[in-house]
Amino acid sequence: NVRYLYTLDKFFGPLANASPVMMEHVPSLMSTVC
């Protein structure tokens, strides 16, 4: 689980610093979750 969650870690920084129009990050985030 640590190994897999590290792949998501790169999305949380940009997601936290994004404006509410964060749609540019969502497709790649969902692809990684999938």
PDB file of all heavy atoms in Angstrom:
ATOM      1  N   ASN A   1       0.822  -1.211   0.000  1.00  0.00           N
ATOM      2  CA  ASN A   1       0.000   0.000   0.000  1.00  0.00           C
ATOM      3  C   ASN A   1       0.857   1.262   0.000  1.00  0.00           C
ATOM      4  O   ASN A   1       0.519   2.242  -0.664  1.00  0.00           O
ATOM      5  CB  ASN A   1      -0.959  -0.007   1.181  1.00  0.00           C
ATOM      6  CG  ASN A   1      -2.054  -1.039   1.018  1.00  0.00           C
ATOM      7  OD1 ASN A   1      -2.234  -1.616  -0.047  1.00  0.00           O
ATOM      8  ND2 ASN A   1      -2.786  -1.295   2.084  1.00  0.00           N
ATOM      9  N   VAL A   2       1.961   1.247   0.727  1.00  0.00           N
ATOM     10  CA  VAL A   2       2.874   2.401   0.718  1.00  0.00           C
ATOM     11  C   VAL A   2       3.394   2.612  -0.699  1.00  0.00           C
ATOM     12  O   VAL A   2       3.425   3.737  -1.203  1.00  0.00           O
ATOM     13  CB  VAL A   2       4.035   2.204   1.722  1.00  0.00           C
ATOM     14  CG1 VAL A   2       5.167   3.186   1.466  1.00  0.00           C
ATOM     15  CG2 VAL A   2       3.523   2.349   3.154  1.00  0.00           C
ATOM     16  N   ARG A   3       3.795   1.539  -1.331  1.00  0.00           N
ATOM     17  CA  ARG A   3       4.317   1.637  -2.694  1.00  0.00           C
ATOM     18  C   ARG A   3       3.273   2.252  -3.631  1.00  0.00           C
ATOM     19  O   ARG A   3       3.576   3.156  -4.424  1.00  0.00           O
ATOM     20  CB  ARG A   3       4.709   0.245  -3.182  1.00  0.00           C
ATOM     21  CG  ARG A   3       5.369   0.219  -4.548  1.00  0.00           C
ATOM     22  CD  ARG A   3       5.955  -1.145  -4.867  1.00  0.00           C
ATOM     23  NE  ARG A   3       5.017  -2.228  -4.722  1.00  0.00           N
ATOM     24  CZ  ARG A   3       4.414  -2.846  -5.734  1.00  0.00           C
ATOM     25  NH1 ARG A   3       4.657  -2.472  -6.965  1.00  0.00           N
ATOM     26  NH2 ARG A   3       3.585  -3.836  -5.510  1.00  0.00           N
ATOM     27  N   TYR A   4       2.035   1.811  -3.545  1.00  0.00           N
ATOM     28  CA  TYR A   4       0.990   2.340  -4.419  1.00  0.00           C
ATOM     29  C   TYR A   4       0.612   3.772  -4.051  1.00  0.00           C
ATOM     30  O   TYR A   4       0.379   4.605  -4.929  1.00  0.00           O
ATOM     31  CB  TYR A   4      -0.248   1.437  -4.396  1.00  0.00           C
ATOM     32  CG  TYR A   4      -0.095   0.224  -5.266  1.00  0.00           C
ATOM     33  CD1 TYR A   4       0.131  -1.030  -4.717  1.00  0.00           C
ATOM     34  CD2 TYR A   4      -0.153   0.326  -6.649  1.00  0.00           C
ATOM     35  CE1 TYR A   4       0.285  -2.155  -5.516  1.00  0.00           C
ATOM     36  CE2 TYR A   4      -0.002  -0.788  -7.460  1.00  0.00           C
ATOM     37  CZ  TYR A   4       0.218  -2.022  -6.890  1.00  0.00           C
ATOM     38  OH  TYR A   4       0.376  -3.121  -7.690  1.00  0.00           O
ATOM     39  N   LEU A   5       0.551   4.065  -2.768  1.00  0.00           N
ATOM     40  CA  LEU A   5       0.163   5.423  -2.360  1.00  0.00           C
ATOM     41  C   LEU A   5       1.225   6.458  -2.718  1.00  0.00           C
ATOM     42  O   LEU A   5       0.897   7.628  -2.937  1.00  0.00           O
ATOM     43  CB  LEU A   5      -0.159   5.458  -0.870  1.00  0.00           C
ATOM     44  CG  LEU A   5      -1.456   4.751  -0.495  1.00  0.00           C
ATOM     45  CD1 LEU A   5      -1.609   4.665   1.021  1.00  0.00           C
ATOM     46  CD2 LEU A   5      -2.664   5.455  -1.112  1.00  0.00           C
ATOM     47  N   TYR A   6       2.482   6.046  -2.789  1.00  0.00           N
ATOM     48  CA  TYR A   6       3.522   6.972  -3.238  1.00  0.00           C
ATOM     49  C   TYR A   6       3.242   7.449  -4.654  1.00  0.00           C
ATOM     50  O   TYR A   6       3.598   8.570  -5.014  1.00  0.00           O
ATOM     51  CB  TYR A   6       4.908   6.336  -3.161  1.00  0.00           C
ATOM     52  CG  TYR A   6       5.643   6.671  -1.886  1.00  0.00           C
ATOM     53  CD1 TYR A   6       6.090   5.658  -1.052  1.00  0.00           C
ATOM     54  CD2 TYR A   6       5.898   7.991  -1.512  1.00  0.00           C
ATOM     55  CE1 TYR A   6       6.759   5.949   0.127  1.00  0.00           C
ATOM     56  CE2 TYR A   6       6.563   8.290  -0.344  1.00  0.00           C
ATOM     57  CZ  TYR A   6       6.998   7.270   0.473  1.00  0.00           C
ATOM     58  OH  TYR A   6       7.651   7.564   1.640  1.00  0.00           O
ATOM     59  N   THR A   7       2.592   6.625  -5.474  1.00  0.00           N
ATOM     60  CA  THR A   7       2.273   7.061  -6.828  1.00  0.00           C
ATOM     61  C   THR A   7       1.234   8.175  -6.824  1.00  0.00           C
ATOM     62  O   THR A   7       1.167   8.957  -7.771  1.00  0.00           O
ATOM     63  CB  THR A   7       1.767   5.896  -7.711  1.00  0.00           C
ATOM     64  OG1 THR A   7       0.534   5.409  -7.185  1.00  0.00           O
ATOM     65  CG2 THR A   7       2.780   4.777  -7.794  1.00  0.00           C
ATOM     66  N   LEU A   8       0.421   8.249  -5.765  1.00  0.00           N
ATOM     67  CA  LEU A   8      -0.582   9.322  -5.659  1.00  0.00           C
ATOM     68  C   LEU A   8      -0.016  10.585  -5.021  1.00  0.00           C
ATOM     69  O   LEU A   8      -0.560  11.665  -5.197  1.00  0.00           O
ATOM     70  CB  LEU A   8      -1.768   8.852  -4.808  1.00  0.00           C
ATOM     71  CG  LEU A   8      -2.692   7.830  -5.418  1.00  0.00           C
ATOM     72  CD1 LEU A   8      -3.759   7.422  -4.420  1.00  0.00           C
ATOM     73  CD2 LEU A   8      -3.336   8.385  -6.680  1.00  0.00           C
ATOM     74  N   ASP A   9       1.062  10.428  -4.281  1.00  0.00           N
ATOM     75  CA  ASP A   9       1.626  11.538  -3.523  1.00  0.00           C
ATOM     76  C   ASP A   9       1.947  12.744  -4.412  1.00  0.00           C
ATOM     77  O   ASP A   9       1.767  13.885  -4.008  1.00  0.00           O
ATOM     78  CB  ASP A   9       2.886  11.066  -2.788  1.00  0.00           C
ATOM     79  CG  ASP A   9       3.148  11.840  -1.538  1.00  0.00           C
ATOM     80  OD1 ASP A   9       2.171  12.233  -0.862  1.00  0.00           O
ATOM     81  OD2 ASP A   9       4.342  12.076  -1.228  1.00  0.00           O
ATOM     82  N   LYS A  10       2.378  12.487  -5.647  1.00  0.00           N
ATOM     83  CA  LYS A  10       2.737  13.582  -6.554  1.00  0.00           C
ATOM     84  C   LYS A  10       1.532  14.447  -6.935  1.00  0.00           C
ATOM     85  O   LYS A  10       1.692  15.571  -7.381  1.00  0.00           O
ATOM     86  CB  LYS A  10       3.422  13.037  -7.802  1.00  0.00           C
ATOM     87  CG  LYS A  10       2.541  12.165  -8.661  1.00  0.00           C
ATOM     88  CD  LYS A  10       3.307  11.583  -9.824  1.00  0.00           C
ATOM     89  CE  LYS A  10       2.427  10.599 -10.584  1.00  0.00           C
ATOM     90  NZ  LYS A  10       3.167   9.806 -11.528  1.00  0.00           N
ATOM     91  N   PHE A  11       0.314  13.927  -6.719  1.00  0.00           N
ATOM     92  CA  PHE A  11      -0.882  14.696  -7.071  1.00  0.00           C
ATOM     93  C   PHE A  11      -1.357  15.595  -5.933  1.00  0.00           C
ATOM     94  O   PHE A  11      -2.033  16.585  -6.163  1.00  0.00           O
ATOM     95  CB  PHE A  11      -2.025  13.747  -7.464  1.00  0.00           C
ATOM     96  CG  PHE A  11      -1.756  12.980  -8.712  1.00  0.00           C
ATOM     97  CD1 PHE A  11      -1.415  11.643  -8.646  1.00  0.00           C
ATOM     98  CD2 PHE A  11      -1.810  13.594  -9.951  1.00  0.00           C
ATOM     99  CE1 PHE A  11      -1.159  10.919  -9.800  1.00  0.00           C
ATOM    100  CE2 PHE A  11      -1.551  12.875 -11.109  1.00  0.00           C
ATOM    101  CZ  PHE A  11      -1.219  11.541 -11.029  1.00  0.00           C
ATOM    102  N   PHE A  12      -1.034  15.219  -4.703  1.00  0.00           N
ATOM    103  CA  PHE A  12      -1.594  15.952  -3.571  1.00  0.00           C
ATOM    104  C   PHE A  12      -1.003  17.348  -3.407  1.00  0.00           C
ATOM    105  O   PHE A  12      -1.709  18.263  -3.004  1.00  0.00           O
ATOM    106  CB  PHE A  12      -1.503  15.136  -2.285  1.00  0.00           C
ATOM    107  CG  PHE A  12      -2.495  14.013  -2.258  1.00  0.00           C
ATOM    108  CD1 PHE A  12      -2.062  12.693  -2.306  1.00  0.00           C
ATOM    109  CD2 PHE A  12      -3.844  14.259  -2.229  1.00  0.00           C
ATOM    110  CE1 PHE A  12      -2.973  11.648  -2.304  1.00  0.00           C
ATOM    111  CE2 PHE A  12      -4.772  13.228  -2.238  1.00  0.00           C
ATOM    112  CZ  PHE A  12      -4.332  11.922  -2.279  1.00  0.00           C
ATOM    113  N   GLY A  13       0.266  17.530  -3.728  1.00  0.00           N
ATOM    114  CA  GLY A  13       0.855  18.868  -3.672  1.00  0.00           C
ATOM    115  C   GLY A  13       0.165  19.811  -4.640  1.00  0.00           C
ATOM    116  O   GLY A  13      -0.364  20.852  -4.240  1.00  0.00           O
ATOM    117  N   PRO A  14       0.131  19.468  -5.928  1.00  0.00           N
ATOM    118  CA  PRO A  14      -0.569  20.325  -6.891  1.00  0.00           C
ATOM    119  C   PRO A  14      -2.054  20.491  -6.562  1.00  0.00           C
ATOM    120  O   PRO A  14      -2.618  21.574  -6.742  1.00  0.00           O
ATOM    121  CB  PRO A  14      -0.399  19.594  -8.229  1.00  0.00           C
ATOM    122  CG  PRO A  14       0.822  18.764  -8.057  1.00  0.00           C
ATOM    123  CD  PRO A  14       0.856  18.385  -6.601  1.00  0.00           C
ATOM    124  N   LEU A  15      -2.673  19.446  -6.051  1.00  0.00           N
ATOM    125  CA  LEU A  15      -4.091  19.532  -5.706  1.00  0.00           C
ATOM    126  C   LEU A  15      -4.304  20.506  -4.554  1.00  0.00           C
ATOM    127  O   LEU A  15      -5.249  21.285  -4.557  1.00  0.00           O
ATOM    128  CB  LEU A  15      -4.609  18.141  -5.335  1.00  0.00           C
ATOM    129  CG  LEU A  15      -6.120  17.939  -5.323  1.00  0.00           C
ATOM    130  CD1 LEU A  15      -6.713  18.247  -6.683  1.00  0.00           C
ATOM    131  CD2 LEU A  15      -6.442  16.514  -4.922  1.00  0.00           C
ATOM    132  N   ALA A  16      -3.410  20.489  -3.579  1.00  0.00           N
ATOM    133  CA  ALA A  16      -3.532  21.388  -2.425  1.00  0.00           C
ATOM    134  C   ALA A  16      -3.287  22.835  -2.815  1.00  0.00           C
ATOM    135  O   ALA A  16      -3.870  23.751  -2.227  1.00  0.00           O
ATOM    136  CB  ALA A  16      -2.547  20.974  -1.333  1.00  0.00           C
ATOM    137  N   ASN A  17      -2.443  23.055  -3.813  1.00  0.00           N
ATOM    138  CA  ASN A  17      -2.078  24.426  -4.199  1.00  0.00           C
ATOM    139  C   ASN A  17      -2.857  24.940  -5.402  1.00  0.00           C
ATOM    140  O   ASN A  17      -2.636  26.050  -5.850  1.00  0.00           O
ATOM    141  CB  ASN A  17      -0.573  24.492  -4.497  1.00  0.00           C
ATOM    142  CG  ASN A  17       0.242  24.137  -3.278  1.00  0.00           C
ATOM    143  OD1 ASN A  17      -0.098  24.511  -2.158  1.00  0.00           O
ATOM    144  ND2 ASN A  17       1.325  23.400  -3.482  1.00  0.00           N
ATOM    145  N   ALA A  18      -3.755  24.147  -5.916  1.00  0.00           N
ATOM    146  CA  ALA A  18      -4.512  24.525  -7.107  1.00  0.00           C
ATOM    147  C   ALA A  18      -5.645  25.482  -6.738  1.00  0.00           C
ATOM    148  O   ALA A  18      -6.024  25.610  -5.579  1.00  0.00           O
ATOM    149  CB  ALA A  18      -5.084  23.279  -7.774  1.00  0.00           C
ATOM    150  N   SER A  19      -6.162  26.128  -7.746  1.00  0.00           N
ATOM    151  CA  SER A  19      -7.371  26.912  -7.542  1.00  0.00           C
ATOM    152  C   SER A  19      -8.540  25.932  -7.591  1.00  0.00           C
ATOM    153  O   SER A  19      -8.365  24.772  -7.967  1.00  0.00           O
ATOM    154  CB  SER A  19      -7.490  27.970  -8.645  1.00  0.00           C
ATOM    155  OG  SER A  19      -7.823  27.340  -9.859  1.00  0.00           O
ATOM    156  N   PRO A  20      -9.732  26.379  -7.226  1.00  0.00           N
ATOM    157  CA  PRO A  20     -10.878  25.456  -7.299  1.00  0.00           C
ATOM    158  C   PRO A  20     -11.107  24.877  -8.692  1.00  0.00           C
ATOM    159  O   PRO A  20     -11.757  23.865  -8.839  1.00  0.00           O
ATOM    160  CB  PRO A  20     -12.053  26.323  -6.857  1.00  0.00           C
ATOM    161  CG  PRO A  20     -11.449  27.326  -5.954  1.00  0.00           C
ATOM    162  CD  PRO A  20     -10.097  27.624  -6.562  1.00  0.00           C
ATOM    163  N   VAL A  21     -10.552  25.512  -9.703  1.00  0.00           N
ATOM    164  CA  VAL A  21     -10.648  24.943 -11.040  1.00  0.00           C
ATOM    165  C   VAL A  21      -9.448  23.998 -11.191  1.00  0.00           C
ATOM    166  O   VAL A  21      -8.475  24.294 -11.854  1.00  0.00           O
ATOM    167  CB  VAL A  21     -10.623  26.042 -12.129  1.00  0.00           C
ATOM    168  CG1 VAL A  21     -10.855  25.449 -13.504  1.00  0.00           C
ATOM    169  CG2 VAL A  21     -11.649  27.106 -11.830  1.00  0.00           C
ATOM    170  N   MET A  22      -9.552  22.860 -10.541  1.00  0.00           N
ATOM    171  CA  MET A  22      -8.432  21.915 -10.477  1.00  0.00           C
ATOM    172  C   MET A  22      -8.602  20.764 -11.451  1.00  0.00           C
ATOM    173  O   MET A  22      -7.981  19.721 -11.298  1.00  0.00           O
ATOM    174  CB  MET A  22      -8.267  21.402  -9.051  1.00  0.00           C
ATOM    175  CG  MET A  22      -9.524  20.806  -8.449  1.00  0.00           C
ATOM    176  SD  MET A  22      -9.340  20.437  -6.715  1.00  0.00           S
ATOM    177  CE  MET A  22     -10.006  21.892  -5.937  1.00  0.00           C
ATOM    178  N   MET A  23      -9.425  20.960 -12.433  1.00  0.00           N
ATOM    179  CA  MET A  23      -9.763  19.868 -13.332  1.00  0.00           C
ATOM    180  C   MET A  23      -8.551  19.304 -14.069  1.00  0.00           C
ATOM    181  O   MET A  23      -8.543  18.145 -14.438  1.00  0.00           O
ATOM    182  CB  MET A  23     -10.830  20.313 -14.336  1.00  0.00           C
ATOM    183  CG  MET A  23     -12.193  20.566 -13.709  1.00  0.00           C
ATOM    184  SD  MET A  23     -12.809  19.170 -12.737  1.00  0.00           S
ATOM    185  CE  MET A  23     -13.031  17.951 -14.000  1.00  0.00           C
ATOM    186  N   GLU A  24      -7.510  20.106 -14.263  1.00  0.00           N
ATOM    187  CA  GLU A  24      -6.347  19.600 -15.002  1.00  0.00           C
ATOM    188  C   GLU A  24      -5.652  18.445 -14.271  1.00  0.00           C
ATOM    189  O   GLU A  24      -5.004  17.621 -14.884  1.00  0.00           O
ATOM    190  CB  GLU A  24      -5.346  20.727 -15.267  1.00  0.00           C
ATOM    191  CG  GLU A  24      -4.625  21.174 -14.009  1.00  0.00           C
ATOM    192  CD  GLU A  24      -4.616  22.688 -13.822  1.00  0.00           C
ATOM    193  OE1 GLU A  24      -5.573  23.349 -14.244  1.00  0.00           O
ATOM    194  OE2 GLU A  24      -3.649  23.168 -13.242  1.00  0.00           O
ATOM    195  N   HIS A  25      -5.807  18.390 -12.937  1.00  0.00           N
ATOM    196  CA  HIS A  25      -5.158  17.341 -12.154  1.00  0.00           C
ATOM    197  C   HIS A  25      -6.037  16.094 -11.999  1.00  0.00           C
ATOM    198  O   HIS A  25      -5.523  15.009 -11.742  1.00  0.00           O
ATOM    199  CB  HIS A  25      -4.812  17.852 -10.755  1.00  0.00           C
ATOM    200  CG  HIS A  25      -3.928  19.045 -10.769  1.00  0.00           C
ATOM    201  ND1 HIS A  25      -2.606  18.997 -11.153  1.00  0.00           N
ATOM    202  CD2 HIS A  25      -4.178  20.339 -10.450  1.00  0.00           C
ATOM    203  CE1 HIS A  25      -2.087  20.193 -11.068  1.00  0.00           C
ATOM    204  NE2 HIS A  25      -3.005  21.037 -10.642  1.00  0.00           N
ATOM    205  N   VAL A  26      -7.315  16.251 -12.135  1.00  0.00           N
ATOM    206  CA  VAL A  26      -8.247  15.162 -11.823  1.00  0.00           C
ATOM    207  C   VAL A  26      -8.119  13.955 -12.763  1.00  0.00           C
ATOM    208  O   VAL A  26      -8.081  12.818 -12.276  1.00  0.00           O
ATOM    209  CB  VAL A  26      -9.703  15.695 -11.757  1.00  0.00           C
ATOM    210  CG1 VAL A  26     -10.686  14.555 -11.571  1.00  0.00           C
ATOM    211  CG2 VAL A  26      -9.826  16.701 -10.611  1.00  0.00           C
ATOM    212  N   PRO A  27      -8.017  14.140 -14.089  1.00  0.00           N
ATOM    213  CA  PRO A  27      -7.929  12.945 -14.949  1.00  0.00           C
ATOM    214  C   PRO A  27      -6.722  12.044 -14.628  1.00  0.00           C
ATOM    215  O   PRO A  27      -6.868  10.826 -14.525  1.00  0.00           O
ATOM    216  CB  PRO A  27      -7.832  13.517 -16.365  1.00  0.00           C
ATOM    217  CG  PRO A  27      -8.499  14.845 -16.261  1.00  0.00           C
ATOM    218  CD  PRO A  27      -8.157  15.360 -14.888  1.00  0.00           C
ATOM    219  N   SER A  28      -5.546  12.637 -14.449  1.00  0.00           N
ATOM    220  CA  SER A  28      -4.371  11.803 -14.152  1.00  0.00           C
ATOM    221  C   SER A  28      -4.457  11.215 -12.750  1.00  0.00           C
ATOM    222  O   SER A  28      -4.018  10.084 -12.521  1.00  0.00           O
ATOM    223  CB  SER A  28      -3.073  12.585 -14.349  1.00  0.00           C
ATOM    224  OG  SER A  28      -3.092  13.783 -13.621  1.00  0.00           O
ATOM    225  N   LEU A  29      -5.050  11.954 -11.823  1.00  0.00           N
ATOM    226  CA  LEU A  29      -5.261  11.430 -10.474  1.00  0.00           C
ATOM    227  C   LEU A  29      -6.181  10.212 -10.527  1.00  0.00           C
ATOM    228  O   LEU A  29      -5.893   9.166  -9.938  1.00  0.00           O
ATOM    229  CB  LEU A  29      -5.855  12.511  -9.575  1.00  0.00           C
ATOM    230  CG  LEU A  29      -6.290  12.082  -8.172  1.00  0.00           C
ATOM    231  CD1 LEU A  29      -5.106  11.597  -7.350  1.00  0.00           C
ATOM    232  CD2 LEU A  29      -6.987  13.237  -7.466  1.00  0.00           C
ATOM    233  N   MET A  30      -7.292  10.323 -11.226  1.00  0.00           N
ATOM    234  CA  MET A  30      -8.242   9.210 -11.328  1.00  0.00           C
ATOM    235  C   MET A  30      -7.640   8.023 -12.078  1.00  0.00           C
ATOM    236  O   MET A  30      -7.894   6.867 -11.734  1.00  0.00           O
ATOM    237  CB  MET A  30      -9.540   9.657 -12.026  1.00  0.00           C
ATOM    238  CG  MET A  30     -10.386  10.604 -11.192  1.00  0.00           C
ATOM    239  SD  MET A  30     -10.908   9.876  -9.632  1.00  0.00           S
ATOM    240  CE  MET A  30      -9.981  10.823  -8.471  1.00  0.00           C
ATOM    241  N   SER A  31      -6.822   8.299 -13.059  1.00  0.00           N
ATOM    242  CA  SER A  31      -6.140   7.233 -13.787  1.00  0.00           C
ATOM    243  C   SER A  31      -5.207   6.463 -12.845  1.00  0.00           C
ATOM    244  O   SER A  31      -5.147   5.226 -12.894  1.00  0.00           O
ATOM    245  CB  SER A  31      -5.344   7.841 -14.945  1.00  0.00           C
ATOM    246  OG  SER A  31      -4.626   6.847 -15.609  1.00  0.00           O
ATOM    247  N   THR A  32      -4.516   7.173 -11.973  1.00  0.00           N
ATOM    248  CA  THR A  32      -3.627   6.523 -11.008  1.00  0.00           C
ATOM    249  C   THR A  32      -4.425   5.734  -9.983  1.00  0.00           C
ATOM    250  O   THR A  32      -4.048   4.613  -9.622  1.00  0.00           O
ATOM    251  CB  THR A  32      -2.730   7.572 -10.314  1.00  0.00           C
ATOM    252  OG1 THR A  32      -2.016   8.304 -11.312  1.00  0.00           O
ATOM    253  CG2 THR A  32      -1.751   6.916  -9.368  1.00  0.00           C
ATOM    254  N   VAL A  33      -5.538   6.281  -9.518  1.00  0.00           N
ATOM    255  CA  VAL A  33      -6.397   5.559  -8.577  1.00  0.00           C
ATOM    256  C   VAL A  33      -6.918   4.282  -9.234  1.00  0.00           C
ATOM    257  O   VAL A  33      -6.926   3.211  -8.611  1.00  0.00           O
ATOM    258  CB  VAL A  33      -7.568   6.446  -8.089  1.00  0.00           C
ATOM    259  CG1 VAL A  33      -8.598   5.633  -7.335  1.00  0.00           C
ATOM    260  CG2 VAL A  33      -7.049   7.580  -7.214  1.00  0.00           C
ATOM    261  N   CYS A  34      -7.297   4.372 -10.489  1.00  0.00           N
ATOM    262  CA  CYS A  34      -7.772   3.201 -11.230  1.00  0.00           C
ATOM    263  C   CYS A  34      -6.669   2.149 -11.345  1.00  0.00           C
ATOM    264  O   CYS A  34      -6.913   0.951 -11.153  1.00  0.00           O
ATOM    265  CB  CYS A  34      -8.246   3.618 -12.620  1.00  0.00           C
ATOM    266  SG  CYS A  34      -8.887   2.257 -13.601  1.00  0.00           S
TER     267      CYS A  34
END
